[in-house]
Amino acid sequence: MLVNFNDEDFESKIKNEDVSVIQFSAEWCGPCKALKPVMDKLSDEYKDKAGFYYADIEDGGINTGSAAGIRGVPTVIVYKKGVEVDRKVGGVPEGQMKEFLEKNI
């Protein structure tokens, strides 16, 4: 299950976890809503390998999204100890997201 993300979580959680995955989204974004159940499913599948978060770029994740240079949503970023290792922009099918996660976590 995706954990709701707030900016302060970056310092307290993301920088301390070996691997973190954040889905940056917005309430009005259709592809974001379509990707969320996929990410929920994958977060359960990979729960032993990474922390999974859901960040609304217009709410709790506004500063982190801005700092990460988010230009389009949905954007999924994989972090290792708070350092970005890769990102996937746009709504993608479950198979492509799984390949992306396999490659990065």
N, C-alpha and C. Protein backbone atom coordinates (compact mmCIF):
# COMPACT_ATOMS: atom_id res chain seq x y z
N MET A 1 0.83 -1.18 0.00
CA MET A 1 0.00 0.00 0.00
C MET A 1 0.88 1.25 0.00
N LEU A 2 0.53 2.19 -0.84
CA LEU A 2 1.27 3.46 -0.89
C LEU A 2 1.00 4.26 0.37
N VAL A 3 2.05 4.86 0.93
CA VAL A 3 1.93 5.71 2.10
C VAL A 3 1.83 7.15 1.61
N ASN A 4 0.87 7.91 2.15
CA ASN A 4 0.77 9.33 1.77
C ASN A 4 2.03 10.05 2.22
N PHE A 5 2.57 10.84 1.32
CA PHE A 5 3.86 11.52 1.52
C PHE A 5 3.65 13.00 1.79
N ASN A 6 4.41 13.53 2.75
CA ASN A 6 4.49 14.96 2.99
C ASN A 6 5.95 15.37 2.89
N ASP A 7 6.18 16.64 2.58
CA ASP A 7 7.55 17.12 2.37
C ASP A 7 8.51 16.74 3.49
N GLU A 8 8.06 16.82 4.75
CA GLU A 8 8.95 16.52 5.87
C GLU A 8 9.39 15.05 5.88
N ASP A 9 8.65 14.18 5.18
CA ASP A 9 9.03 12.76 5.10
C ASP A 9 10.34 12.57 4.35
N PHE A 10 10.72 13.52 3.50
CA PHE A 10 11.97 13.35 2.74
C PHE A 10 13.15 13.26 3.68
N GLU A 11 13.20 14.18 4.65
CA GLU A 11 14.30 14.18 5.62
C GLU A 11 14.19 12.99 6.57
N SER A 12 12.98 12.73 7.06
CA SER A 12 12.82 11.71 8.12
C SER A 12 12.79 10.28 7.59
N LYS A 13 12.33 10.08 6.35
CA LYS A 13 12.20 8.71 5.85
C LYS A 13 13.06 8.44 4.63
N ILE A 14 12.87 9.22 3.56
CA ILE A 14 13.50 8.93 2.27
C ILE A 14 15.03 8.90 2.38
N LYS A 15 15.61 9.86 3.10
CA LYS A 15 17.07 9.90 3.23
C LYS A 15 17.61 8.75 4.08
N ASN A 16 16.76 8.12 4.87
CA ASN A 16 17.20 7.04 5.75
C ASN A 16 16.91 5.65 5.22
N GLU A 17 16.04 5.55 4.23
CA GLU A 17 15.71 4.24 3.67
C GLU A 17 16.70 3.87 2.57
N ASP A 18 17.02 2.58 2.48
CA ASP A 18 17.92 2.13 1.42
C ASP A 18 17.32 2.43 0.05
N VAL A 19 16.03 2.11 -0.13
CA VAL A 19 15.35 2.37 -1.40
C VAL A 19 13.95 2.90 -1.12
N SER A 20 13.59 3.98 -1.80
CA SER A 20 12.25 4.57 -1.69
C SER A 20 11.73 4.84 -3.08
N VAL A 21 10.43 4.66 -3.26
CA VAL A 21 9.78 4.92 -4.54
C VAL A 21 8.64 5.89 -4.27
N ILE A 22 8.65 7.03 -4.98
CA ILE A 22 7.59 8.04 -4.78
C ILE A 22 6.85 8.24 -6.10
N GLN A 23 5.53 8.11 -6.04
CA GLN A 23 4.68 8.47 -7.18
C GLN A 23 4.23 9.91 -6.95
N PHE A 24 4.72 10.82 -7.78
CA PHE A 24 4.28 12.21 -7.74
C PHE A 24 3.05 12.35 -8.63
N SER A 25 1.98 12.89 -8.09
CA SER A 25 0.70 12.95 -8.79
C SER A 25 -0.03 14.24 -8.44
N ALA A 26 -1.22 14.38 -9.04
CA ALA A 26 -2.10 15.50 -8.72
C ALA A 26 -3.53 15.00 -8.72
N GLU A 27 -4.36 15.62 -7.92
CA GLU A 27 -5.75 15.20 -7.77
C GLU A 27 -6.50 15.21 -9.09
N TRP A 28 -6.22 16.18 -9.97
CA TRP A 28 -6.96 16.35 -11.23
C TRP A 28 -6.45 15.47 -12.37
N CYS A 29 -5.40 14.70 -12.13
CA CYS A 29 -4.69 13.96 -13.18
C CYS A 29 -5.28 12.56 -13.40
N GLY A 30 -5.88 12.34 -14.58
CA GLY A 30 -6.46 11.04 -14.92
C GLY A 30 -5.45 9.91 -14.95
N PRO A 31 -4.32 10.06 -15.67
CA PRO A 31 -3.32 8.99 -15.68
C PRO A 31 -2.77 8.67 -14.29
N CYS A 32 -2.73 9.68 -13.40
CA CYS A 32 -2.26 9.45 -12.03
C CYS A 32 -3.22 8.51 -11.31
N LYS A 33 -4.51 8.76 -11.50
CA LYS A 33 -5.53 7.92 -10.85
C LYS A 33 -5.46 6.50 -11.38
N ALA A 34 -5.15 6.34 -12.67
CA ALA A 34 -5.04 5.02 -13.27
C ALA A 34 -3.79 4.29 -12.77
N LEU A 35 -2.72 5.03 -12.50
CA LEU A 35 -1.47 4.42 -12.05
C LEU A 35 -1.50 4.03 -10.58
N LYS A 36 -2.29 4.73 -9.78
CA LYS A 36 -2.27 4.49 -8.33
C LYS A 36 -2.57 3.04 -7.96
N PRO A 37 -3.62 2.37 -8.50
CA PRO A 37 -3.84 0.98 -8.12
C PRO A 37 -2.70 0.05 -8.57
N VAL A 38 -2.05 0.38 -9.68
CA VAL A 38 -0.89 -0.39 -10.14
C VAL A 38 0.24 -0.26 -9.11
N MET A 39 0.48 0.96 -8.67
CA MET A 39 1.55 1.20 -7.70
C MET A 39 1.21 0.58 -6.35
N ASP A 40 -0.08 0.61 -5.97
CA ASP A 40 -0.51 -0.06 -4.73
C ASP A 40 -0.16 -1.55 -4.80
N LYS A 41 -0.49 -2.16 -5.91
CA LYS A 41 -0.23 -3.59 -6.09
C LYS A 41 1.27 -3.89 -6.04
N LEU A 42 2.04 -3.09 -6.78
CA LEU A 42 3.49 -3.31 -6.82
C LEU A 42 4.15 -3.01 -5.48
N SER A 43 3.58 -2.05 -4.73
CA SER A 43 4.15 -1.74 -3.41
C SER A 43 3.99 -2.94 -2.48
N ASP A 44 2.89 -3.68 -2.61
CA ASP A 44 2.72 -4.89 -1.81
C ASP A 44 3.71 -5.96 -2.26
N GLU A 45 3.89 -6.07 -3.57
CA GLU A 45 4.78 -7.08 -4.14
C GLU A 45 6.25 -6.84 -3.74
N TYR A 46 6.64 -5.57 -3.66
CA TYR A 46 8.04 -5.21 -3.38
C TYR A 46 8.23 -4.61 -1.99
N LYS A 47 7.30 -4.87 -1.07
CA LYS A 47 7.35 -4.22 0.24
C LYS A 47 8.63 -4.53 1.03
N ASP A 48 9.26 -5.66 0.75
CA ASP A 48 10.49 -6.01 1.45
C ASP A 48 11.73 -5.36 0.83
N LYS A 49 11.56 -4.71 -0.32
CA LYS A 49 12.71 -4.13 -1.04
C LYS A 49 12.75 -2.61 -1.00
N ALA A 50 11.58 -1.96 -0.77
CA ALA A 50 11.55 -0.49 -0.84
C ALA A 50 10.34 0.06 -0.09
N GLY A 51 10.44 1.33 0.28
CA GLY A 51 9.30 2.05 0.82
C GLY A 51 8.58 2.71 -0.35
N PHE A 52 7.25 2.68 -0.36
CA PHE A 52 6.47 3.25 -1.46
C PHE A 52 5.59 4.39 -0.94
N TYR A 53 5.62 5.51 -1.68
CA TYR A 53 4.91 6.71 -1.24
C TYR A 53 4.11 7.33 -2.38
N TYR A 54 3.06 8.06 -1.98
CA TYR A 54 2.21 8.78 -2.92
C TYR A 54 2.26 10.25 -2.53
N ALA A 55 2.76 11.10 -3.43
CA ALA A 55 2.92 12.53 -3.15
C ALA A 55 2.07 13.36 -4.09
N ASP A 56 1.18 14.16 -3.53
CA ASP A 56 0.39 15.10 -4.32
C ASP A 56 1.20 16.38 -4.46
N ILE A 57 1.55 16.74 -5.71
CA ILE A 57 2.44 17.89 -5.93
C ILE A 57 1.76 19.22 -5.64
N GLU A 58 0.45 19.21 -5.41
CA GLU A 58 -0.24 20.46 -5.07
C GLU A 58 -0.67 20.48 -3.62
N ASP A 59 -0.23 19.47 -2.86
CA ASP A 59 -0.62 19.40 -1.46
C ASP A 59 0.61 19.10 -0.61
N GLY A 60 0.71 17.91 -0.05
CA GLY A 60 1.80 17.58 0.87
C GLY A 60 3.17 17.46 0.26
N GLY A 61 3.25 17.19 -1.06
CA GLY A 61 4.55 16.98 -1.68
C GLY A 61 5.00 18.11 -2.57
N ILE A 62 4.46 19.31 -2.35
CA ILE A 62 4.72 20.42 -3.27
C ILE A 62 6.20 20.82 -3.31
N ASN A 63 6.86 20.90 -2.16
CA ASN A 63 8.26 21.33 -2.15
C ASN A 63 9.19 20.24 -2.67
N THR A 64 8.92 19.00 -2.32
CA THR A 64 9.74 17.89 -2.80
C THR A 64 9.59 17.75 -4.31
N GLY A 65 8.35 17.86 -4.80
CA GLY A 65 8.11 17.79 -6.24
C GLY A 65 8.83 18.89 -6.98
N SER A 66 8.80 20.07 -6.42
CA SER A 66 9.48 21.22 -7.03
C SER A 66 11.00 20.99 -7.03
N ALA A 67 11.54 20.52 -5.92
CA ALA A 67 12.97 20.27 -5.81
C ALA A 67 13.42 19.18 -6.78
N ALA A 68 12.53 18.22 -7.03
CA ALA A 68 12.87 17.12 -7.94
C ALA A 68 12.68 17.50 -9.40
N GLY A 69 12.17 18.70 -9.65
CA GLY A 69 11.99 19.17 -11.02
C GLY A 69 10.86 18.46 -11.75
N ILE A 70 9.80 18.14 -11.02
CA ILE A 70 8.65 17.46 -11.62
C ILE A 70 7.99 18.42 -12.61
N ARG A 71 7.92 18.00 -13.87
CA ARG A 71 7.30 18.85 -14.90
C ARG A 71 6.00 18.26 -15.41
N GLY A 72 5.80 16.97 -15.18
CA GLY A 72 4.58 16.30 -15.61
C GLY A 72 4.24 15.20 -14.65
N VAL A 73 2.96 14.93 -14.49
CA VAL A 73 2.51 13.86 -13.62
C VAL A 73 1.70 12.85 -14.42
N PRO A 74 1.72 11.61 -14.04
CA PRO A 74 2.49 11.06 -12.91
C PRO A 74 3.97 10.90 -13.25
N THR A 75 4.78 11.07 -12.22
CA THR A 75 6.21 10.78 -12.31
C THR A 75 6.56 9.89 -11.13
N VAL A 76 7.22 8.79 -11.39
CA VAL A 76 7.66 7.87 -10.34
C VAL A 76 9.18 7.97 -10.26
N ILE A 77 9.68 8.27 -9.05
CA ILE A 77 11.13 8.40 -8.86
C ILE A 77 11.59 7.37 -7.83
N VAL A 78 12.70 6.71 -8.15
CA VAL A 78 13.33 5.78 -7.22
C VAL A 78 14.51 6.51 -6.58
N TYR A 79 14.54 6.49 -5.25
CA TYR A 79 15.62 7.11 -4.48
C TYR A 79 16.37 6.02 -3.70
N LYS A 80 17.67 6.20 -3.58
CA LYS A 80 18.46 5.37 -2.68
C LYS A 80 19.14 6.31 -1.69
N LYS A 81 18.75 6.16 -0.42
CA LYS A 81 19.24 7.04 0.65
C LYS A 81 19.03 8.52 0.30
N GLY A 82 17.91 8.83 -0.34
CA GLY A 82 17.57 10.21 -0.66
C GLY A 82 18.14 10.74 -1.96
N VAL A 83 18.89 9.91 -2.69
CA VAL A 83 19.48 10.33 -3.96
C VAL A 83 18.71 9.66 -5.10
N GLU A 84 18.26 10.47 -6.06
CA GLU A 84 17.52 9.93 -7.19
C GLU A 84 18.40 9.03 -8.04
N VAL A 85 17.88 7.83 -8.35
CA VAL A 85 18.61 6.93 -9.23
C VAL A 85 17.95 6.79 -10.59
N ASP A 86 16.62 6.98 -10.66
CA ASP A 86 15.94 6.90 -11.95
C ASP A 86 14.52 7.43 -11.80
N ARG A 87 13.90 7.78 -12.93
CA ARG A 87 12.51 8.24 -12.92
C ARG A 87 11.79 7.75 -14.16
N LYS A 88 10.48 7.61 -14.02
CA LYS A 88 9.61 7.20 -15.12
C LYS A 88 8.47 8.22 -15.14
N VAL A 89 8.31 8.89 -16.29
CA VAL A 89 7.29 9.93 -16.43
C VAL A 89 6.13 9.40 -17.27
N GLY A 90 4.92 9.66 -16.80
CA GLY A 90 3.73 9.30 -17.55
C GLY A 90 3.09 8.03 -17.03
N GLY A 91 1.83 7.87 -17.41
CA GLY A 91 1.12 6.66 -17.04
C GLY A 91 1.59 5.51 -17.90
N VAL A 92 2.03 4.44 -17.28
CA VAL A 92 2.54 3.29 -18.03
C VAL A 92 1.82 2.03 -17.55
N PRO A 93 1.74 1.01 -18.40
CA PRO A 93 1.13 -0.25 -17.99
C PRO A 93 1.92 -0.92 -16.87
N GLU A 94 1.25 -1.81 -16.15
CA GLU A 94 1.87 -2.48 -15.01
C GLU A 94 3.18 -3.18 -15.39
N GLY A 95 3.21 -3.83 -16.55
CA GLY A 95 4.42 -4.55 -16.98
C GLY A 95 5.62 -3.63 -17.11
N GLN A 96 5.41 -2.44 -17.69
CA GLN A 96 6.52 -1.48 -17.84
C GLN A 96 6.97 -0.95 -16.49
N MET A 97 6.02 -0.70 -15.58
CA MET A 97 6.39 -0.20 -14.26
C MET A 97 7.16 -1.28 -13.49
N LYS A 98 6.74 -2.51 -13.65
CA LYS A 98 7.44 -3.62 -12.98
C LYS A 98 8.87 -3.74 -13.49
N GLU A 99 9.07 -3.62 -14.81
CA GLU A 99 10.43 -3.65 -15.38
C GLU A 99 11.28 -2.51 -14.81
N PHE A 100 10.68 -1.31 -14.73
CA PHE A 100 11.37 -0.14 -14.19
C PHE A 100 11.81 -0.41 -12.74
N LEU A 101 10.91 -0.97 -11.93
CA LEU A 101 11.25 -1.25 -10.53
C LEU A 101 12.30 -2.34 -10.43
N GLU A 102 12.16 -3.40 -11.23
CA GLU A 102 13.14 -4.49 -11.22
C GLU A 102 14.56 -3.96 -11.52
N LYS A 103 14.64 -3.03 -12.44
CA LYS A 103 15.92 -2.47 -12.85
C LYS A 103 16.55 -1.61 -11.74
N ASN A 104 15.68 -0.97 -10.93
CA ASN A 104 16.19 0.05 -10.00
C ASN A 104 16.16 -0.32 -8.53
N ILE A 105 15.44 -1.38 -8.17
CA ILE A 105 15.45 -1.74 -6.75
C ILE A 105 15.90 -3.17 -6.62
